[in-house]
Amino acid sequence: MRNLFGTITESHMRLNSLGRIVQEEWLRCADVRESIELDSYVVMPNHFHGILMINAPDPHEGIGSEGEQRIALQVQTLACLAAVEGQQQILSGR
């Protein structure tokens, strides 16, 4: 498997430009999506692990059914991941 995000040297993960984008976009997710709360994460050479909490909107605000709320939260989460993919494509010239 290719090391997309960096390498491990002397037991330390050294991020390359794509790895830094992954890290920056992860940290930015909670800033641009108020229903998401970030927990721990780690960028690995060829993948990423992250824990996030999706806080349900206040049901008293009339946002719609529970199913509609769940879909909206899934879309927000996917938007975080899409931002990383978009930056990767820009850097690789695709």
PDB file of N, CA and C in Angstrom:
ATOM      1  N   MET A   1       0.832  -1.180   0.000  1.00  0.00           N
ATOM      2  CA  MET A   1       0.000   0.000   0.000  1.00  0.00           C
ATOM      3  C   MET A   1       0.882   1.250   0.000  1.00  0.00           C
ATOM      4  N   ARG A   2       0.460   2.240  -0.759  1.00  0.00           N
ATOM      5  CA  ARG A   2       1.210   3.495  -0.865  1.00  0.00           C
ATOM      6  C   ARG A   2       1.035   4.375   0.371  1.00  0.00           C
ATOM      7  N   ASN A   3       2.083   5.040   0.765  1.00  0.00           N
ATOM      8  CA  ASN A   3       2.008   5.992   1.877  1.00  0.00           C
ATOM      9  C   ASN A   3       1.526   7.339   1.342  1.00  0.00           C
ATOM     10  N   LEU A   4       0.240   7.599   1.464  1.00  0.00           N
ATOM     11  CA  LEU A   4      -0.348   8.828   0.931  1.00  0.00           C
ATOM     12  C   LEU A   4      -0.124  10.036   1.831  1.00  0.00           C
ATOM     13  N   PHE A   5      -0.107   9.824   3.140  1.00  0.00           N
ATOM     14  CA  PHE A   5      -0.152  10.942   4.075  1.00  0.00           C
ATOM     15  C   PHE A   5       1.155  11.197   4.818  1.00  0.00           C
ATOM     16  N   GLY A   6       2.178  10.397   4.582  1.00  0.00           N
ATOM     17  CA  GLY A   6       3.456  10.589   5.251  1.00  0.00           C
ATOM     18  C   GLY A   6       4.104   9.260   5.570  1.00  0.00           C
ATOM     19  N   THR A   7       5.100   9.317   6.424  1.00  0.00           N
ATOM     20  CA  THR A   7       5.843   8.115   6.793  1.00  0.00           C
ATOM     21  C   THR A   7       6.064   8.091   8.304  1.00  0.00           C
ATOM     22  N   ILE A   8       6.343   6.893   8.800  1.00  0.00           N
ATOM     23  CA  ILE A   8       6.704   6.742  10.204  1.00  0.00           C
ATOM     24  C   ILE A   8       8.220   6.600  10.269  1.00  0.00           C
ATOM     25  N   THR A   9       8.831   7.521  11.013  1.00  0.00           N
ATOM     26  CA  THR A   9      10.282   7.522  11.180  1.00  0.00           C
ATOM     27  C   THR A   9      10.581   7.576  12.668  1.00  0.00           C
ATOM     28  N   GLU A  10      11.363   6.618  13.152  1.00  0.00           N
ATOM     29  CA  GLU A  10      11.721   6.561  14.575  1.00  0.00           C
ATOM     30  C   GLU A  10      10.470   6.653  15.459  1.00  0.00           C
ATOM     31  N   SER A  11       9.463   5.864  15.134  1.00  0.00           N
ATOM     32  CA  SER A  11       8.201   5.775  15.891  1.00  0.00           C
ATOM     33  C   SER A  11       7.402   7.071  15.907  1.00  0.00           C
ATOM     34  N   HIS A  12       7.639   7.949  14.947  1.00  0.00           N
ATOM     35  CA  HIS A  12       6.921   9.221  14.886  1.00  0.00           C
ATOM     36  C   HIS A  12       6.337   9.398  13.487  1.00  0.00           C
ATOM     37  N   MET A  13       5.066   9.754  13.416  1.00  0.00           N
ATOM     38  CA  MET A  13       4.420   9.992  12.141  1.00  0.00           C
ATOM     39  C   MET A  13       4.821  11.359  11.616  1.00  0.00           C
ATOM     40  N   ARG A  14       5.392  11.364  10.426  1.00  0.00           N
ATOM     41  CA  ARG A  14       5.807  12.607   9.774  1.00  0.00           C
ATOM     42  C   ARG A  14       4.869  12.837   8.595  1.00  0.00           C
ATOM     43  N   LEU A  15       4.007  13.849   8.748  1.00  0.00           N
ATOM     44  CA  LEU A  15       3.002  14.130   7.734  1.00  0.00           C
ATOM     45  C   LEU A  15       3.615  14.810   6.517  1.00  0.00           C
ATOM     46  N   ASN A  16       3.153  14.401   5.323  1.00  0.00           N
ATOM     47  CA  ASN A  16       3.512  15.130   4.117  1.00  0.00           C
ATOM     48  C   ASN A  16       2.406  16.147   3.852  1.00  0.00           C
ATOM     49  N   SER A  17       2.402  16.792   2.685  1.00  0.00           N
ATOM     50  CA  SER A  17       1.405  17.835   2.417  1.00  0.00           C
ATOM     51  C   SER A  17      -0.022  17.288   2.462  1.00  0.00           C
ATOM     52  N   LEU A  18      -0.255  16.094   1.933  1.00  0.00           N
ATOM     53  CA  LEU A  18      -1.599  15.509   2.001  1.00  0.00           C
ATOM     54  C   LEU A  18      -1.988  15.168   3.438  1.00  0.00           C
ATOM     55  N   GLY A  19      -1.042  14.674   4.200  1.00  0.00           N
ATOM     56  CA  GLY A  19      -1.303  14.364   5.602  1.00  0.00           C
ATOM     57  C   GLY A  19      -1.668  15.603   6.398  1.00  0.00           C
ATOM     58  N   ARG A  20      -0.992  16.713   6.080  1.00  0.00           N
ATOM     59  CA  ARG A  20      -1.322  17.970   6.762  1.00  0.00           C
ATOM     60  C   ARG A  20      -2.727  18.446   6.378  1.00  0.00           C
ATOM     61  N   ILE A  21      -3.126  18.223   5.123  1.00  0.00           N
ATOM     62  CA  ILE A  21      -4.480  18.596   4.697  1.00  0.00           C
ATOM     63  C   ILE A  21      -5.507  17.762   5.453  1.00  0.00           C
ATOM     64  N   VAL A  22      -5.260  16.460   5.574  1.00  0.00           N
ATOM     65  CA  VAL A  22      -6.177  15.594   6.323  1.00  0.00           C
ATOM     66  C   VAL A  22      -6.335  16.115   7.749  1.00  0.00           C
ATOM     67  N   GLN A  23      -5.223  16.419   8.386  1.00  0.00           N
ATOM     68  CA  GLN A  23      -5.257  16.915   9.763  1.00  0.00           C
ATOM     69  C   GLN A  23      -5.999  18.250   9.850  1.00  0.00           C
ATOM     70  N   GLU A  24      -5.697  19.182   8.948  1.00  0.00           N
ATOM     71  CA  GLU A  24      -6.340  20.495   8.974  1.00  0.00           C
ATOM     72  C   GLU A  24      -7.845  20.390   8.726  1.00  0.00           C
ATOM     73  N   GLU A  25      -8.236  19.558   7.756  1.00  0.00           N
ATOM     74  CA  GLU A  25      -9.663  19.404   7.455  1.00  0.00           C
ATOM     75  C   GLU A  25     -10.401  18.730   8.607  1.00  0.00           C
ATOM     76  N   TRP A  26      -9.763  17.777   9.247  1.00  0.00           N
ATOM     77  CA  TRP A  26     -10.382  17.131  10.411  1.00  0.00           C
ATOM     78  C   TRP A  26     -10.645  18.171  11.491  1.00  0.00           C
ATOM     79  N   LEU A  27      -9.652  18.970  11.801  1.00  0.00           N
ATOM     80  CA  LEU A  27      -9.798  19.963  12.860  1.00  0.00           C
ATOM     81  C   LEU A  27     -10.812  21.043  12.478  1.00  0.00           C
ATOM     82  N   ARG A  28     -10.949  21.325  11.201  1.00  0.00           N
ATOM     83  CA  ARG A  28     -11.880  22.343  10.720  1.00  0.00           C
ATOM     84  C   ARG A  28     -13.332  21.852  10.698  1.00  0.00           C
ATOM     85  N   CYS A  29     -13.533  20.551  10.654  1.00  0.00           N
ATOM     86  CA  CYS A  29     -14.890  19.988  10.557  1.00  0.00           C
ATOM     87  C   CYS A  29     -15.826  20.533  11.627  1.00  0.00           C
ATOM     88  N   ALA A  30     -15.379  20.561  12.852  1.00  0.00           N
ATOM     89  CA  ALA A  30     -16.242  21.014  13.947  1.00  0.00           C
ATOM     90  C   ALA A  30     -16.499  22.520  13.875  1.00  0.00           C
ATOM     91  N   ASP A  31     -15.578  23.258  13.259  1.00  0.00           N
ATOM     92  CA  ASP A  31     -15.773  24.703  13.132  1.00  0.00           C
ATOM     93  C   ASP A  31     -16.867  25.041  12.133  1.00  0.00           C
ATOM     94  N   VAL A  32     -16.969  24.254  11.077  1.00  0.00           N
ATOM     95  CA  VAL A  32     -17.942  24.562  10.031  1.00  0.00           C
ATOM     96  C   VAL A  32     -19.230  23.756  10.147  1.00  0.00           C
ATOM     97  N   ARG A  33     -19.267  22.788  11.052  1.00  0.00           N
ATOM     98  CA  ARG A  33     -20.466  21.961  11.256  1.00  0.00           C
ATOM     99  C   ARG A  33     -20.767  21.916  12.750  1.00  0.00           C
ATOM    100  N   GLU A  34     -21.712  22.713  13.168  1.00  0.00           N
ATOM    101  CA  GLU A  34     -21.964  22.872  14.608  1.00  0.00           C
ATOM    102  C   GLU A  34     -22.492  21.620  15.283  1.00  0.00           C
ATOM    103  N   SER A  35     -23.001  20.662  14.523  1.00  0.00           N
ATOM    104  CA  SER A  35     -23.538  19.449  15.145  1.00  0.00           C
ATOM    105  C   SER A  35     -22.471  18.372  15.346  1.00  0.00           C
ATOM    106  N   ILE A  36     -21.227  18.678  15.012  1.00  0.00           N
ATOM    107  CA  ILE A  36     -20.151  17.695  15.136  1.00  0.00           C
ATOM    108  C   ILE A  36     -19.177  18.126  16.222  1.00  0.00           C
ATOM    109  N   GLU A  37     -18.819  17.169  17.076  1.00  0.00           N
ATOM    110  CA  GLU A  37     -17.821  17.383  18.120  1.00  0.00           C
ATOM    111  C   GLU A  37     -16.707  16.365  17.906  1.00  0.00           C
ATOM    112  N   LEU A  38     -15.477  16.845  17.806  1.00  0.00           N
ATOM    113  CA  LEU A  38     -14.342  15.956  17.523  1.00  0.00           C
ATOM    114  C   LEU A  38     -13.739  15.396  18.798  1.00  0.00           C
ATOM    115  N   ASP A  39     -13.234  14.183  18.677  1.00  0.00           N
ATOM    116  CA  ASP A  39     -12.503  13.537  19.763  1.00  0.00           C
ATOM    117  C   ASP A  39     -11.113  13.213  19.210  1.00  0.00           C
ATOM    118  N   SER A  40     -10.524  12.146  19.636  1.00  0.00           N
ATOM    119  CA  SER A  40      -9.161  11.816  19.225  1.00  0.00           C
ATOM    120  C   SER A  40      -9.108  11.400  17.758  1.00  0.00           C
ATOM    121  N   TYR A  41      -7.921  11.557  17.180  1.00  0.00           N
ATOM    122  CA  TYR A  41      -7.693  11.173  15.792  1.00  0.00           C
ATOM    123  C   TYR A  41      -6.216  10.846  15.602  1.00  0.00           C
ATOM    124  N   VAL A  42      -5.926  10.133  14.539  1.00  0.00           N
ATOM    125  CA  VAL A  42      -4.542   9.872  14.174  1.00  0.00           C
ATOM    126  C   VAL A  42      -4.469   9.720  12.658  1.00  0.00           C
ATOM    127  N   VAL A  43      -3.506  10.413  12.068  1.00  0.00           N
ATOM    128  CA  VAL A  43      -3.241  10.269  10.638  1.00  0.00           C
ATOM    129  C   VAL A  43      -2.135   9.235  10.513  1.00  0.00           C
ATOM    130  N   MET A  44      -2.391   8.190   9.760  1.00  0.00           N
ATOM    131  CA  MET A  44      -1.432   7.125   9.522  1.00  0.00           C
ATOM    132  C   MET A  44      -0.878   7.274   8.105  1.00  0.00           C
ATOM    133  N   PRO A  45       0.175   6.546   7.751  1.00  0.00           N
ATOM    134  CA  PRO A  45       0.763   6.717   6.421  1.00  0.00           C
ATOM    135  C   PRO A  45      -0.230   6.514   5.268  1.00  0.00           C
ATOM    136  N   ASN A  46      -1.174   5.593   5.407  1.00  0.00           N
ATOM    137  CA  ASN A  46      -2.068   5.328   4.280  1.00  0.00           C
ATOM    138  C   ASN A  46      -3.548   5.336   4.655  1.00  0.00           C
ATOM    139  N   HIS A  47      -3.884   5.821   5.855  1.00  0.00           N
ATOM    140  CA  HIS A  47      -5.280   5.926   6.253  1.00  0.00           C
ATOM    141  C   HIS A  47      -5.397   6.855   7.457  1.00  0.00           C
ATOM    142  N   PHE A  48      -6.610   7.047   7.892  1.00  0.00           N
ATOM    143  CA  PHE A  48      -6.914   7.997   8.958  1.00  0.00           C
ATOM    144  C   PHE A  48      -7.941   7.381   9.910  1.00  0.00           C
ATOM    145  N   HIS A  49      -7.752   7.612  11.202  1.00  0.00           N
ATOM    146  CA  HIS A  49      -8.729   7.197  12.207  1.00  0.00           C
ATOM    147  C   HIS A  49      -9.202   8.455  12.933  1.00  0.00           C
ATOM    148  N   GLY A  50     -10.490   8.563  13.149  1.00  0.00           N
ATOM    149  CA  GLY A  50     -11.006   9.688  13.901  1.00  0.00           C
ATOM    150  C   GLY A  50     -12.299   9.320  14.593  1.00  0.00           C
ATOM    151  N   ILE A  51     -12.481   9.874  15.770  1.00  0.00           N
ATOM    152  CA  ILE A  51     -13.712   9.666  16.522  1.00  0.00           C
ATOM    153  C   ILE A  51     -14.426  11.008  16.582  1.00  0.00           C
ATOM    154  N   LEU A  52     -15.693  10.988  16.181  1.00  0.00           N
ATOM    155  CA  LEU A  52     -16.479  12.202  16.292  1.00  0.00           C
ATOM    156  C   LEU A  52     -17.845  11.888  16.864  1.00  0.00           C
ATOM    157  N   MET A  53     -18.398  12.865  17.521  1.00  0.00           N
ATOM    158  CA  MET A  53     -19.738  12.739  18.075  1.00  0.00           C
ATOM    159  C   MET A  53     -20.650  13.622  17.233  1.00  0.00           C
ATOM    160  N   ILE A  54     -21.781  13.047  16.850  1.00  0.00           N
ATOM    161  CA  ILE A  54     -22.774  13.812  16.103  1.00  0.00           C
ATOM    162  C   ILE A  54     -23.884  14.148  17.089  1.00  0.00           C
ATOM    163  N   ASN A  55     -23.983  15.417  17.400  1.00  0.00           N
ATOM    164  CA  ASN A  55     -24.979  15.884  18.362  1.00  0.00           C
ATOM    165  C   ASN A  55     -26.268  16.177  17.615  1.00  0.00           C
ATOM    166  N   ALA A  56     -27.327  15.512  18.017  1.00  0.00           N
ATOM    167  CA  ALA A  56     -28.625  15.690  17.367  1.00  0.00           C
ATOM    168  C   ALA A  56     -29.105  17.122  17.560  1.00  0.00           C
ATOM    169  N   PRO A  57     -29.711  17.681  16.534  1.00  0.00           N
ATOM    170  CA  PRO A  57     -30.277  19.024  16.680  1.00  0.00           C
ATOM    171  C   PRO A  57     -31.393  19.028  17.723  1.00  0.00           C
ATOM    172  N   ASP A  58     -31.663  20.177  18.244  1.00  0.00           N
ATOM    173  CA  ASP A  58     -32.743  20.337  19.220  1.00  0.00           C
ATOM    174  C   ASP A  58     -34.082  20.015  18.551  1.00  0.00           C
ATOM    175  N   PRO A  59     -34.792  19.008  19.037  1.00  0.00           N
ATOM    176  CA  PRO A  59     -36.052  18.622  18.395  1.00  0.00           C
ATOM    177  C   PRO A  59     -37.117  19.707  18.474  1.00  0.00           C
ATOM    178  N   HIS A  60     -36.934  20.661  19.347  1.00  0.00           N
ATOM    179  CA  HIS A  60     -37.911  21.741  19.493  1.00  0.00           C
ATOM    180  C   HIS A  60     -37.750  22.814  18.427  1.00  0.00           C
ATOM    181  N   GLU A  61     -36.698  22.726  17.613  1.00  0.00           N
ATOM    182  CA  GLU A  61     -36.471  23.722  16.572  1.00  0.00           C
ATOM    183  C   GLU A  61     -37.243  23.414  15.300  1.00  0.00           C
ATOM    184  N   GLY A  62     -37.929  22.283  15.244  1.00  0.00           N
ATOM    185  CA  GLY A  62     -38.747  21.963  14.084  1.00  0.00           C
ATOM    186  C   GLY A  62     -37.951  21.690  12.823  1.00  0.00           C
ATOM    187  N   ILE A  63     -36.864  20.934  12.922  1.00  0.00           N
ATOM    188  CA  ILE A  63     -35.991  20.662  11.781  1.00  0.00           C
ATOM    189  C   ILE A  63     -36.522  19.521  10.925  1.00  0.00           C
ATOM    190  N   GLY A  64     -37.520  18.829  11.347  1.00  0.00           N
ATOM    191  CA  GLY A  64     -38.055  17.737  10.552  1.00  0.00           C
ATOM    192  C   GLY A  64     -38.055  16.445  11.333  1.00  0.00           C
ATOM    193  N   SER A  65     -38.323  15.367  10.622  1.00  0.00           N
ATOM    194  CA  SER A  65     -38.394  14.063  11.269  1.00  0.00           C
ATOM    195  C   SER A  65     -37.017  13.592  11.707  1.00  0.00           C
ATOM    196  N   GLU A  66     -37.013  12.586  12.557  1.00  0.00           N
ATOM    197  CA  GLU A  66     -35.744  12.004  13.020  1.00  0.00           C
ATOM    198  C   GLU A  66     -34.938  11.490  11.841  1.00  0.00           C
ATOM    199  N   GLY A  67     -35.597  10.858  10.868  1.00  0.00           N
ATOM    200  CA  GLY A  67     -34.905  10.352   9.680  1.00  0.00           C
ATOM    201  C   GLY A  67     -34.261  11.465   8.879  1.00  0.00           C
ATOM    202  N   GLU A  68     -34.965  12.602   8.736  1.00  0.00           N
ATOM    203  CA  GLU A  68     -34.407  13.746   8.015  1.00  0.00           C
ATOM    204  C   GLU A  68     -33.202  14.310   8.754  1.00  0.00           C
ATOM    205  N   GLN A  69     -33.272  14.355  10.071  1.00  0.00           N
ATOM    206  CA  GLN A  69     -32.152  14.853  10.871  1.00  0.00           C
ATOM    207  C   GLN A  69     -30.938  13.942  10.716  1.00  0.00           C
ATOM    208  N   ARG A  70     -31.171  12.628  10.732  1.00  0.00           N
ATOM    209  CA  ARG A  70     -30.084  11.668  10.600  1.00  0.00           C
ATOM    210  C   ARG A  70     -29.401  11.829   9.235  1.00  0.00           C
ATOM    211  N   ILE A  71     -30.186  11.993   8.186  1.00  0.00           N
ATOM    212  CA  ILE A  71     -29.625  12.180   6.845  1.00  0.00           C
ATOM    213  C   ILE A  71     -28.807  13.466   6.786  1.00  0.00           C
ATOM    214  N   ALA A  72     -29.321  14.540   7.376  1.00  0.00           N
ATOM    215  CA  ALA A  72     -28.595  15.811   7.375  1.00  0.00           C
ATOM    216  C   ALA A  72     -27.254  15.668   8.081  1.00  0.00           C
ATOM    217  N   LEU A  73     -27.208  14.940   9.197  1.00  0.00           N
ATOM    218  CA  LEU A  73     -25.956  14.751   9.925  1.00  0.00           C
ATOM    219  C   LEU A  73     -24.984  13.879   9.133  1.00  0.00           C
ATOM    220  N   GLN A  74     -25.492  12.883   8.439  1.00  0.00           N
ATOM    221  CA  GLN A  74     -24.634  12.043   7.608  1.00  0.00           C
ATOM    222  C   GLN A  74     -24.027  12.866   6.473  1.00  0.00           C
ATOM    223  N   VAL A  75     -24.815  13.739   5.890  1.00  0.00           N
ATOM    224  CA  VAL A  75     -24.313  14.598   4.815  1.00  0.00           C
ATOM    225  C   VAL A  75     -23.212  15.503   5.329  1.00  0.00           C
ATOM    226  N   GLN A  76     -23.385  16.063   6.532  1.00  0.00           N
ATOM    227  CA  GLN A  76     -22.349  16.918   7.108  1.00  0.00           C
ATOM    228  C   GLN A  76     -21.056  16.144   7.321  1.00  0.00           C
ATOM    229  N   THR A  77     -21.163  14.923   7.810  1.00  0.00           N
ATOM    230  CA  THR A  77     -19.980  14.098   8.037  1.00  0.00           C
ATOM    231  C   THR A  77     -19.286  13.791   6.715  1.00  0.00           C
ATOM    232  N   LEU A  78     -20.060  13.433   5.711  1.00  0.00           N
ATOM    233  CA  LEU A  78     -19.481  13.154   4.398  1.00  0.00           C
ATOM    234  C   LEU A  78     -18.838  14.401   3.805  1.00  0.00           C
ATOM    235  N   ALA A  79     -19.370  15.565   4.100  1.00  0.00           N
ATOM    236  CA  ALA A  79     -18.780  16.803   3.606  1.00  0.00           C
ATOM    237  C   ALA A  79     -17.369  16.993   4.152  1.00  0.00           C
ATOM    238  N   CYS A  80     -17.148  16.610   5.416  1.00  0.00           N
ATOM    239  CA  CYS A  80     -15.784  16.663   5.988  1.00  0.00           C
ATOM    240  C   CYS A  80     -14.838  15.802   5.165  1.00  0.00           C
ATOM    241  N   LEU A  81     -15.271  14.585   4.890  1.00  0.00           N
ATOM    242  CA  LEU A  81     -14.429  13.654   4.146  1.00  0.00           C
ATOM    243  C   LEU A  81     -14.229  14.113   2.704  1.00  0.00           C
ATOM    244  N   ALA A  82     -15.249  14.686   2.094  1.00  0.00           N
ATOM    245  CA  ALA A  82     -15.145  15.162   0.717  1.00  0.00           C
ATOM    246  C   ALA A  82     -14.163  16.326   0.610  1.00  0.00           C
ATOM    247  N   ALA A  83     -14.100  17.160   1.634  1.00  0.00           N
ATOM    248  CA  ALA A  83     -13.156  18.279   1.619  1.00  0.00           C
ATOM    249  C   ALA A  83     -11.723  17.766   1.549  1.00  0.00           C
ATOM    250  N   VAL A  84     -11.431  16.721   2.276  1.00  0.00           N
ATOM    251  CA  VAL A  84     -10.098  16.115   2.245  1.00  0.00           C
ATOM    252  C   VAL A  84      -9.821  15.545   0.861  1.00  0.00           C
ATOM    253  N   GLU A  85     -10.776  14.820   0.296  1.00  0.00           N
ATOM    254  CA  GLU A  85     -10.609  14.225  -1.028  1.00  0.00           C
ATOM    255  C   GLU A  85     -10.397  15.307  -2.084  1.00  0.00           C
ATOM    256  N   GLY A  86     -11.137  16.397  -1.991  1.00  0.00           N
ATOM    257  CA  GLY A  86     -10.985  17.493  -2.951  1.00  0.00           C
ATOM    258  C   GLY A  86      -9.605  18.109  -2.891  1.00  0.00           C
ATOM    259  N   GLN A  87      -9.098  18.335  -1.698  1.00  0.00           N
ATOM    260  CA  GLN A  87      -7.750  18.889  -1.548  1.00  0.00           C
ATOM    261  C   GLN A  87      -6.706  17.924  -2.105  1.00  0.00           C
ATOM    262  N   GLN A  88      -6.901  16.640  -1.885  1.00  0.00           N
ATOM    263  CA  GLN A  88      -5.965  15.635  -2.396  1.00  0.00           C
ATOM    264  C   GLN A  88      -5.950  15.673  -3.927  1.00  0.00           C
ATOM    265  N   GLN A  89      -7.114  15.784  -4.551  1.00  0.00           N
ATOM    266  CA  GLN A  89      -7.176  15.812  -6.016  1.00  0.00           C
ATOM    267  C   GLN A  89      -6.520  17.066  -6.571  1.00  0.00           C
ATOM    268  N   ILE A  90      -6.697  18.187  -5.892  1.00  0.00           N
ATOM    269  CA  ILE A  90      -6.049  19.434  -6.326  1.00  0.00           C
ATOM    270  C   ILE A  90      -4.547  19.273  -6.300  1.00  0.00           C
ATOM    271  N   LEU A  91      -4.020  18.721  -5.215  1.00  0.00           N
ATOM    272  CA  LEU A  91      -2.571  18.548  -5.097  1.00  0.00           C
ATOM    273  C   LEU A  91      -2.019  17.561  -6.108  1.00  0.00           C
ATOM    274  N   SER A  92      -2.801  16.528  -6.430  1.00  0.00           N
ATOM    275  CA  SER A  92      -2.289  15.518  -7.361  1.00  0.00           C
ATOM    276  C   SER A  92      -2.570  15.890  -8.813  1.00  0.00           C
ATOM    277  N   GLY A  93      -3.256  17.020  -9.041  1.00  0.00           N
ATOM    278  CA  GLY A  93      -3.492  17.483 -10.405  1.00  0.00           C
ATOM    279  C   GLY A  93      -4.603  16.769 -11.130  1.00  0.00           C
ATOM    280  N   ARG A  94      -5.493  16.097 -10.409  1.00  0.00           N
ATOM    281  CA  ARG A  94      -6.619  15.410 -11.062  1.00  0.00           C
ATOM    282  C   ARG A  94      -7.768  16.343 -11.293  1.00  0.00           C
TER     283      ARG A  94
END
